[in-house]
Amino acid sequence: MDAFTGYVYTAMWFILAVYMFYLSFKHTKFFFVLSAFFLFLSGWYLCDELIVGVDLFSGIYSWIYRGVALVVLIICVIAYLKYKKNRDAE
């Protein structure tokens, strides 16, 4: 990935993190989880661009990235199923 694209992704994830942080006050506190995840993604892409000689999207680092993404995905699915169950009970 070239440097410009990495910085664009960094900015995009950071903007989404700030937006989710804003939504957490307006709608539900669950958006704090998504905001933290998007901050993680922003930091990951920024570190990938700034650290020379290390590719954070290959080797063991890619497994760490995927593991964090999988944990957040599982949390989101559980939260969705809980929300759907409560909505159907009403």
PDB file of N, CA and C in Angstrom:
ATOM      1  N   MET A   1       0.854  -1.169   0.000  1.00  0.00           N
ATOM      2  CA  MET A   1       0.000   0.000   0.000  1.00  0.00           C
ATOM      3  C   MET A   1       0.899   1.230   0.000  1.00  0.00           C
ATOM      4  N   ASP A   2       0.600   2.174  -0.848  1.00  0.00           N
ATOM      5  CA  ASP A   2       1.428   3.371  -0.874  1.00  0.00           C
ATOM      6  C   ASP A   2       1.082   4.285   0.299  1.00  0.00           C
ATOM      7  N   ALA A   3       1.940   5.258   0.533  1.00  0.00           N
ATOM      8  CA  ALA A   3       1.828   6.097   1.726  1.00  0.00           C
ATOM      9  C   ALA A   3       0.542   6.916   1.727  1.00  0.00           C
ATOM     10  N   PHE A   4       0.168   7.444   0.593  1.00  0.00           N
ATOM     11  CA  PHE A   4      -1.022   8.284   0.545  1.00  0.00           C
ATOM     12  C   PHE A   4      -2.272   7.504   0.951  1.00  0.00           C
ATOM     13  N   THR A   5      -2.416   6.292   0.443  1.00  0.00           N
ATOM     14  CA  THR A   5      -3.588   5.478   0.760  1.00  0.00           C
ATOM     15  C   THR A   5      -3.634   5.137   2.248  1.00  0.00           C
ATOM     16  N   GLY A   6      -2.489   4.850   2.836  1.00  0.00           N
ATOM     17  CA  GLY A   6      -2.447   4.555   4.265  1.00  0.00           C
ATOM     18  C   GLY A   6      -2.909   5.731   5.104  1.00  0.00           C
ATOM     19  N   TYR A   7      -2.503   6.936   4.723  1.00  0.00           N
ATOM     20  CA  TYR A   7      -2.928   8.119   5.463  1.00  0.00           C
ATOM     21  C   TYR A   7      -4.406   8.420   5.248  1.00  0.00           C
ATOM     22  N   VAL A   8      -4.919   8.117   4.073  1.00  0.00           N
ATOM     23  CA  VAL A   8      -6.354   8.308   3.815  1.00  0.00           C
ATOM     24  C   VAL A   8      -7.166   7.360   4.695  1.00  0.00           C
ATOM     25  N   TYR A   9      -6.742   6.099   4.781  1.00  0.00           N
ATOM     26  CA  TYR A   9      -7.427   5.144   5.652  1.00  0.00           C
ATOM     27  C   TYR A   9      -7.320   5.563   7.110  1.00  0.00           C
ATOM     28  N   THR A  10      -6.174   6.071   7.517  1.00  0.00           N
ATOM     29  CA  THR A  10      -6.009   6.554   8.889  1.00  0.00           C
ATOM     30  C   THR A  10      -7.015   7.655   9.186  1.00  0.00           C
ATOM     31  N   ALA A  11      -7.123   8.612   8.292  1.00  0.00           N
ATOM     32  CA  ALA A  11      -8.068   9.718   8.482  1.00  0.00           C
ATOM     33  C   ALA A  11      -9.505   9.218   8.470  1.00  0.00           C
ATOM     34  N   MET A  12      -9.812   8.289   7.561  1.00  0.00           N
ATOM     35  CA  MET A  12     -11.179   7.775   7.471  1.00  0.00           C
ATOM     36  C   MET A  12     -11.582   7.073   8.763  1.00  0.00           C
ATOM     37  N   TRP A  13     -10.716   6.191   9.283  1.00  0.00           N
ATOM     38  CA  TRP A  13     -11.053   5.478  10.517  1.00  0.00           C
ATOM     39  C   TRP A  13     -11.154   6.436  11.694  1.00  0.00           C
ATOM     40  N   PHE A  14     -10.309   7.466  11.713  1.00  0.00           N
ATOM     41  CA  PHE A  14     -10.373   8.433  12.803  1.00  0.00           C
ATOM     42  C   PHE A  14     -11.672   9.230  12.753  1.00  0.00           C
ATOM     43  N   ILE A  15     -12.080   9.648  11.569  1.00  0.00           N
ATOM     44  CA  ILE A  15     -13.341  10.387  11.428  1.00  0.00           C
ATOM     45  C   ILE A  15     -14.518   9.519  11.856  1.00  0.00           C
ATOM     46  N   LEU A  16     -14.507   8.239  11.469  1.00  0.00           N
ATOM     47  CA  LEU A  16     -15.573   7.331  11.902  1.00  0.00           C
ATOM     48  C   LEU A  16     -15.563   7.144  13.418  1.00  0.00           C
ATOM     49  N   ALA A  17     -14.389   7.094  14.017  1.00  0.00           N
ATOM     50  CA  ALA A  17     -14.291   6.945  15.469  1.00  0.00           C
ATOM     51  C   ALA A  17     -14.897   8.150  16.181  1.00  0.00           C
ATOM     52  N   VAL A  18     -14.592   9.332  15.697  1.00  0.00           N
ATOM     53  CA  VAL A  18     -15.151  10.542  16.298  1.00  0.00           C
ATOM     54  C   VAL A  18     -16.665  10.577  16.118  1.00  0.00           C
ATOM     55  N   TYR A  19     -17.144  10.175  14.958  1.00  0.00           N
ATOM     56  CA  TYR A  19     -18.586  10.160  14.703  1.00  0.00           C
ATOM     57  C   TYR A  19     -19.296   9.146  15.610  1.00  0.00           C
ATOM     58  N   MET A  20     -18.712   7.962  15.778  1.00  0.00           N
ATOM     59  CA  MET A  20     -19.311   6.965  16.670  1.00  0.00           C
ATOM     60  C   MET A  20     -19.281   7.438  18.119  1.00  0.00           C
ATOM     61  N   PHE A  21     -18.243   8.158  18.492  1.00  0.00           N
ATOM     62  CA  PHE A  21     -18.170   8.727  19.836  1.00  0.00           C
ATOM     63  C   PHE A  21     -19.306   9.725  20.041  1.00  0.00           C
ATOM     64  N   TYR A  22     -19.568  10.540  19.047  1.00  0.00           N
ATOM     65  CA  TYR A  22     -20.679  11.488  19.097  1.00  0.00           C
ATOM     66  C   TYR A  22     -22.014  10.751  19.195  1.00  0.00           C
ATOM     67  N   LEU A  23     -22.178   9.694  18.391  1.00  0.00           N
ATOM     68  CA  LEU A  23     -23.430   8.935  18.423  1.00  0.00           C
ATOM     69  C   LEU A  23     -23.654   8.220  19.741  1.00  0.00           C
ATOM     70  N   SER A  24     -22.573   7.878  20.437  1.00  0.00           N
ATOM     71  CA  SER A  24     -22.735   7.174  21.709  1.00  0.00           C
ATOM     72  C   SER A  24     -23.422   8.056  22.747  1.00  0.00           C
ATOM     73  N   PHE A  25     -23.226   9.347  22.676  1.00  0.00           N
ATOM     74  CA  PHE A  25     -23.918  10.246  23.595  1.00  0.00           C
ATOM     75  C   PHE A  25     -25.349  10.498  23.154  1.00  0.00           C
ATOM     76  N   LYS A  26     -25.578  10.447  21.857  1.00  0.00           N
ATOM     77  CA  LYS A  26     -26.894  10.773  21.322  1.00  0.00           C
ATOM     78  C   LYS A  26     -27.841   9.574  21.341  1.00  0.00           C
ATOM     79  N   HIS A  27     -27.334   8.358  21.075  1.00  0.00           N
ATOM     80  CA  HIS A  27     -28.202   7.200  20.928  1.00  0.00           C
ATOM     81  C   HIS A  27     -27.974   6.149  22.008  1.00  0.00           C
ATOM     82  N   THR A  28     -26.909   5.387  21.869  1.00  0.00           N
ATOM     83  CA  THR A  28     -26.668   4.294  22.807  1.00  0.00           C
ATOM     84  C   THR A  28     -25.184   4.218  23.147  1.00  0.00           C
ATOM     85  N   LYS A  29     -24.896   3.727  24.333  1.00  0.00           N
ATOM     86  CA  LYS A  29     -23.517   3.639  24.805  1.00  0.00           C
ATOM     87  C   LYS A  29     -22.718   2.565  24.072  1.00  0.00           C
ATOM     88  N   PHE A  30     -23.381   1.698  23.320  1.00  0.00           N
ATOM     89  CA  PHE A  30     -22.683   0.648  22.590  1.00  0.00           C
ATOM     90  C   PHE A  30     -21.748   1.220  21.526  1.00  0.00           C
ATOM     91  N   PHE A  31     -22.035   2.402  21.061  1.00  0.00           N
ATOM     92  CA  PHE A  31     -21.183   3.021  20.047  1.00  0.00           C
ATOM     93  C   PHE A  31     -19.793   3.339  20.593  1.00  0.00           C
ATOM     94  N   PHE A  32     -19.621   3.341  21.925  1.00  0.00           N
ATOM     95  CA  PHE A  32     -18.279   3.490  22.490  1.00  0.00           C
ATOM     96  C   PHE A  32     -17.390   2.330  22.052  1.00  0.00           C
ATOM     97  N   VAL A  33     -17.955   1.129  21.976  1.00  0.00           N
ATOM     98  CA  VAL A  33     -17.194  -0.042  21.542  1.00  0.00           C
ATOM     99  C   VAL A  33     -16.728   0.146  20.102  1.00  0.00           C
ATOM    100  N   LEU A  34     -17.633   0.564  19.248  1.00  0.00           N
ATOM    101  CA  LEU A  34     -17.276   0.785  17.850  1.00  0.00           C
ATOM    102  C   LEU A  34     -16.289   1.938  17.700  1.00  0.00           C
ATOM    103  N   SER A  35     -16.456   2.965  18.522  1.00  0.00           N
ATOM    104  CA  SER A  35     -15.527   4.082  18.472  1.00  0.00           C
ATOM    105  C   SER A  35     -14.118   3.632  18.851  1.00  0.00           C
ATOM    106  N   ALA A  36     -14.015   2.811  19.867  1.00  0.00           N
ATOM    107  CA  ALA A  36     -12.698   2.296  20.274  1.00  0.00           C
ATOM    108  C   ALA A  36     -12.101   1.421  19.174  1.00  0.00           C
ATOM    109  N   PHE A  37     -12.927   0.625  18.528  1.00  0.00           N
ATOM    110  CA  PHE A  37     -12.433  -0.225  17.442  1.00  0.00           C
ATOM    111  C   PHE A  37     -11.933   0.605  16.268  1.00  0.00           C
ATOM    112  N   PHE A  38     -12.672   1.648  15.908  1.00  0.00           N
ATOM    113  CA  PHE A  38     -12.242   2.495  14.811  1.00  0.00           C
ATOM    114  C   PHE A  38     -10.979   3.282  15.176  1.00  0.00           C
ATOM    115  N   LEU A  39     -10.822   3.653  16.442  1.00  0.00           N
ATOM    116  CA  LEU A  39      -9.571   4.272  16.875  1.00  0.00           C
ATOM    117  C   LEU A  39      -8.415   3.289  16.762  1.00  0.00           C
ATOM    118  N   PHE A  40      -8.668   2.027  17.104  1.00  0.00           N
ATOM    119  CA  PHE A  40      -7.655   0.989  16.939  1.00  0.00           C
ATOM    120  C   PHE A  40      -7.257   0.871  15.470  1.00  0.00           C
ATOM    121  N   LEU A  41      -8.244   0.843  14.579  1.00  0.00           N
ATOM    122  CA  LEU A  41      -7.945   0.739  13.149  1.00  0.00           C
ATOM    123  C   LEU A  41      -7.148   1.942  12.660  1.00  0.00           C
ATOM    124  N   SER A  42      -7.528   3.124  13.128  1.00  0.00           N
ATOM    125  CA  SER A  42      -6.799   4.330  12.740  1.00  0.00           C
ATOM    126  C   SER A  42      -5.349   4.261  13.204  1.00  0.00           C
ATOM    127  N   GLY A  43      -5.151   3.863  14.437  1.00  0.00           N
ATOM    128  CA  GLY A  43      -3.793   3.730  14.961  1.00  0.00           C
ATOM    129  C   GLY A  43      -2.992   2.663  14.247  1.00  0.00           C
ATOM    130  N   TRP A  44      -3.668   1.561  13.884  1.00  0.00           N
ATOM    131  CA  TRP A  44      -2.982   0.468  13.184  1.00  0.00           C
ATOM    132  C   TRP A  44      -2.466   0.934  11.826  1.00  0.00           C
ATOM    133  N   TYR A  45      -3.331   1.615  11.080  1.00  0.00           N
ATOM    134  CA  TYR A  45      -2.920   2.108   9.763  1.00  0.00           C
ATOM    135  C   TYR A  45      -1.841   3.178   9.890  1.00  0.00           C
ATOM    136  N   LEU A  46      -1.954   4.033  10.900  1.00  0.00           N
ATOM    137  CA  LEU A  46      -0.937   5.066  11.082  1.00  0.00           C
ATOM    138  C   LEU A  46       0.402   4.434  11.450  1.00  0.00           C
ATOM    139  N   CYS A  47       0.396   3.457  12.351  1.00  0.00           N
ATOM    140  CA  CYS A  47       1.649   2.773  12.705  1.00  0.00           C
ATOM    141  C   CYS A  47       2.229   2.033  11.511  1.00  0.00           C
ATOM    142  N   ASP A  48       1.374   1.475  10.683  1.00  0.00           N
ATOM    143  CA  ASP A  48       1.855   0.777   9.490  1.00  0.00           C
ATOM    144  C   ASP A  48       2.592   1.733   8.555  1.00  0.00           C
ATOM    145  N   GLU A  49       2.135   2.968   8.500  1.00  0.00           N
ATOM    146  CA  GLU A  49       2.789   3.954   7.637  1.00  0.00           C
ATOM    147  C   GLU A  49       4.053   4.526   8.273  1.00  0.00           C
ATOM    148  N   LEU A  50       4.052   4.708   9.580  1.00  0.00           N
ATOM    149  CA  LEU A  50       5.161   5.390  10.232  1.00  0.00           C
ATOM    150  C   LEU A  50       6.330   4.477  10.586  1.00  0.00           C
ATOM    151  N   ILE A  51       6.055   3.205  10.873  1.00  0.00           N
ATOM    152  CA  ILE A  51       7.128   2.280  11.233  1.00  0.00           C
ATOM    153  C   ILE A  51       7.727   1.724   9.947  1.00  0.00           C
ATOM    154  N   VAL A  52       8.975   2.048   9.730  1.00  0.00           N
ATOM    155  CA  VAL A  52       9.662   1.643   8.501  1.00  0.00           C
ATOM    156  C   VAL A  52      10.228   0.232   8.689  1.00  0.00           C
ATOM    157  N   GLY A  53      10.040  -0.601   7.691  1.00  0.00           N
ATOM    158  CA  GLY A  53      10.607  -1.938   7.712  1.00  0.00           C
ATOM    159  C   GLY A  53       9.712  -3.006   8.308  1.00  0.00           C
ATOM    160  N   VAL A  54       8.568  -2.622   8.860  1.00  0.00           N
ATOM    161  CA  VAL A  54       7.651  -3.596   9.435  1.00  0.00           C
ATOM    162  C   VAL A  54       6.310  -3.458   8.732  1.00  0.00           C
ATOM    163  N   ASP A  55       5.820  -4.563   8.190  1.00  0.00           N
ATOM    164  CA  ASP A  55       4.505  -4.583   7.555  1.00  0.00           C
ATOM    165  C   ASP A  55       3.502  -5.144   8.556  1.00  0.00           C
ATOM    166  N   LEU A  56       2.612  -4.297   9.043  1.00  0.00           N
ATOM    167  CA  LEU A  56       1.648  -4.719  10.058  1.00  0.00           C
ATOM    168  C   LEU A  56       0.495  -5.527   9.476  1.00  0.00           C
ATOM    169  N   PHE A  57       0.503  -5.760   8.184  1.00  0.00           N
ATOM    170  CA  PHE A  57      -0.548  -6.549   7.554  1.00  0.00           C
ATOM    171  C   PHE A  57      -0.013  -7.880   7.031  1.00  0.00           C
ATOM    172  N   SER A  58       1.091  -8.349   7.610  1.00  0.00           N
ATOM    173  CA  SER A  58       1.618  -9.656   7.242  1.00  0.00           C
ATOM    174  C   SER A  58       2.223 -10.303   8.487  1.00  0.00           C
ATOM    175  N   GLY A  59       2.332 -11.608   8.429  1.00  0.00           N
ATOM    176  CA  GLY A  59       2.929 -12.345   9.532  1.00  0.00           C
ATOM    177  C   GLY A  59       2.053 -12.367  10.765  1.00  0.00           C
ATOM    178  N   ILE A  60       2.687 -12.345  11.929  1.00  0.00           N
ATOM    179  CA  ILE A  60       1.961 -12.421  13.199  1.00  0.00           C
ATOM    180  C   ILE A  60       1.097 -11.189  13.416  1.00  0.00           C
ATOM    181  N   TYR A  61       1.532 -10.055  12.880  1.00  0.00           N
ATOM    182  CA  TYR A  61       0.759  -8.827  13.048  1.00  0.00           C
ATOM    183  C   TYR A  61      -0.608  -8.912  12.375  1.00  0.00           C
ATOM    184  N   SER A  62      -0.677  -9.589  11.260  1.00  0.00           N
ATOM    185  CA  SER A  62      -1.979  -9.736  10.595  1.00  0.00           C
ATOM    186  C   SER A  62      -2.920 -10.581  11.440  1.00  0.00           C
ATOM    187  N   TRP A  63      -2.380 -11.555  12.169  1.00  0.00           N
ATOM    188  CA  TRP A  63      -3.225 -12.378  13.039  1.00  0.00           C
ATOM    189  C   TRP A  63      -3.721 -11.588  14.241  1.00  0.00           C
ATOM    190  N   ILE A  64      -2.909 -10.688  14.750  1.00  0.00           N
ATOM    191  CA  ILE A  64      -3.362  -9.810  15.839  1.00  0.00           C
ATOM    192  C   ILE A  64      -4.493  -8.916  15.337  1.00  0.00           C
ATOM    193  N   TYR A  65      -4.303  -8.343  14.172  1.00  0.00           N
ATOM    194  CA  TYR A  65      -5.314  -7.477  13.556  1.00  0.00           C
ATOM    195  C   TYR A  65      -6.629  -8.239  13.350  1.00  0.00           C
ATOM    196  N   ARG A  66      -6.521  -9.428  12.798  1.00  0.00           N
ATOM    197  CA  ARG A  66      -7.716 -10.244  12.556  1.00  0.00           C
ATOM    198  C   ARG A  66      -8.376 -10.681  13.859  1.00  0.00           C
ATOM    199  N   GLY A  67      -7.570 -10.983  14.855  1.00  0.00           N
ATOM    200  CA  GLY A  67      -8.115 -11.390  16.148  1.00  0.00           C
ATOM    201  C   GLY A  67      -8.914 -10.287  16.807  1.00  0.00           C
ATOM    202  N   VAL A  68      -8.385  -9.081  16.791  1.00  0.00           N
ATOM    203  CA  VAL A  68      -9.111  -7.942  17.356  1.00  0.00           C
ATOM    204  C   VAL A  68     -10.398  -7.708  16.573  1.00  0.00           C
ATOM    205  N   ALA A  69     -10.327  -7.770  15.255  1.00  0.00           N
ATOM    206  CA  ALA A  69     -11.518  -7.584  14.431  1.00  0.00           C
ATOM    207  C   ALA A  69     -12.555  -8.679  14.713  1.00  0.00           C
ATOM    208  N   LEU A  70     -12.105  -9.912  14.909  1.00  0.00           N
ATOM    209  CA  LEU A  70     -13.032 -11.015  15.206  1.00  0.00           C
ATOM    210  C   LEU A  70     -13.709 -10.823  16.550  1.00  0.00           C
ATOM    211  N   VAL A  71     -12.962 -10.393  17.547  1.00  0.00           N
ATOM    212  CA  VAL A  71     -13.557 -10.158  18.869  1.00  0.00           C
ATOM    213  C   VAL A  71     -14.618  -9.069  18.793  1.00  0.00           C
ATOM    214  N   VAL A  72     -14.323  -7.992  18.087  1.00  0.00           N
ATOM    215  CA  VAL A  72     -15.298  -6.903  17.952  1.00  0.00           C
ATOM    216  C   VAL A  72     -16.512  -7.378  17.159  1.00  0.00           C
ATOM    217  N   LEU A  73     -16.305  -8.195  16.140  1.00  0.00           N
ATOM    218  CA  LEU A  73     -17.425  -8.738  15.372  1.00  0.00           C
ATOM    219  C   LEU A  73     -18.316  -9.602  16.258  1.00  0.00           C
ATOM    220  N   ILE A  74     -17.735 -10.442  17.085  1.00  0.00           N
ATOM    221  CA  ILE A  74     -18.515 -11.288  17.986  1.00  0.00           C
ATOM    222  C   ILE A  74     -19.302 -10.428  18.979  1.00  0.00           C
ATOM    223  N   ILE A  75     -18.662  -9.388  19.505  1.00  0.00           N
ATOM    224  CA  ILE A  75     -19.360  -8.478  20.425  1.00  0.00           C
ATOM    225  C   ILE A  75     -20.531  -7.809  19.722  1.00  0.00           C
ATOM    226  N   CYS A  76     -20.344  -7.392  18.481  1.00  0.00           N
ATOM    227  CA  CYS A  76     -21.422  -6.737  17.725  1.00  0.00           C
ATOM    228  C   CYS A  76     -22.577  -7.700  17.449  1.00  0.00           C
ATOM    229  N   VAL A  77     -22.269  -8.950  17.106  1.00  0.00           N
ATOM    230  CA  VAL A  77     -23.329  -9.940  16.846  1.00  0.00           C
ATOM    231  C   VAL A  77     -24.110 -10.216  18.120  1.00  0.00           C
ATOM    232  N   ILE A  78     -23.425 -10.362  19.242  1.00  0.00           N
ATOM    233  CA  ILE A  78     -24.114 -10.597  20.513  1.00  0.00           C
ATOM    234  C   ILE A  78     -24.989  -9.411  20.879  1.00  0.00           C
ATOM    235  N   ALA A  79     -24.483  -8.211  20.704  1.00  0.00           N
ATOM    236  CA  ALA A  79     -25.276  -7.010  21.003  1.00  0.00           C
ATOM    237  C   ALA A  79     -26.488  -6.916  20.091  1.00  0.00           C
ATOM    238  N   TYR A  80     -26.320  -7.260  18.821  1.00  0.00           N
ATOM    239  CA  TYR A  80     -27.449  -7.223  17.889  1.00  0.00           C
ATOM    240  C   TYR A  80     -28.512  -8.247  18.268  1.00  0.00           C
ATOM    241  N   LEU A  81     -28.096  -9.461  18.582  1.00  0.00           N
ATOM    242  CA  LEU A  81     -29.065 -10.495  18.960  1.00  0.00           C
ATOM    243  C   LEU A  81     -29.795 -10.127  20.247  1.00  0.00           C
ATOM    244  N   LYS A  82     -29.095  -9.531  21.177  1.00  0.00           N
ATOM    245  CA  LYS A  82     -29.715  -9.079  22.421  1.00  0.00           C
ATOM    246  C   LYS A  82     -30.722  -7.965  22.148  1.00  0.00           C
ATOM    247  N   TYR A  83     -30.348  -7.028  21.274  1.00  0.00           N
ATOM    248  CA  TYR A  83     -31.244  -5.945  20.896  1.00  0.00           C
ATOM    249  C   TYR A  83     -32.483  -6.485  20.194  1.00  0.00           C
ATOM    250  N   LYS A  84     -32.294  -7.424  19.273  1.00  0.00           N
ATOM    251  CA  LYS A  84     -33.417  -7.998  18.534  1.00  0.00           C
ATOM    252  C   LYS A  84     -34.348  -8.760  19.459  1.00  0.00           C
ATOM    253  N   LYS A  85     -33.790  -9.484  20.403  1.00  0.00           N
ATOM    254  CA  LYS A  85     -34.610 -10.236  21.362  1.00  0.00           C
ATOM    255  C   LYS A  85     -35.451  -9.296  22.221  1.00  0.00           C
ATOM    256  N   ASN A  86     -34.848  -8.214  22.680  1.00  0.00           N
ATOM    257  CA  ASN A  86     -35.587  -7.231  23.487  1.00  0.00           C
ATOM    258  C   ASN A  86     -36.653  -6.517  22.675  1.00  0.00           C
ATOM    259  N   ARG A  87     -36.371  -6.260  21.410  1.00  0.00           N
ATOM    260  CA  ARG A  87     -37.337  -5.580  20.541  1.00  0.00           C
ATOM    261  C   ARG A  87     -38.528  -6.493  20.240  1.00  0.00           C
ATOM    262  N   ASP A  88     -38.250  -7.780  20.016  1.00  0.00           N
ATOM    263  CA  ASP A  88     -39.334  -8.712  19.733  1.00  0.00           C
ATOM    264  C   ASP A  88     -40.178  -8.994  20.954  1.00  0.00           C
ATOM    265  N   ALA A  89     -39.633  -8.860  22.158  1.00  0.00           N
ATOM    266  CA  ALA A  89     -40.375  -9.112  23.397  1.00  0.00           C
ATOM    267  C   ALA A  89     -41.372  -7.997  23.680  1.00  0.00           C
ATOM    268  N   GLU A  90     -41.125  -6.832  23.122  1.00  0.00           N
ATOM    269  CA  GLU A  90     -42.039  -5.691  23.391  1.00  0.00           C
ATOM    270  C   GLU A  90     -43.299  -5.760  22.603  1.00  0.00           C
TER     271      GLU A  90
END
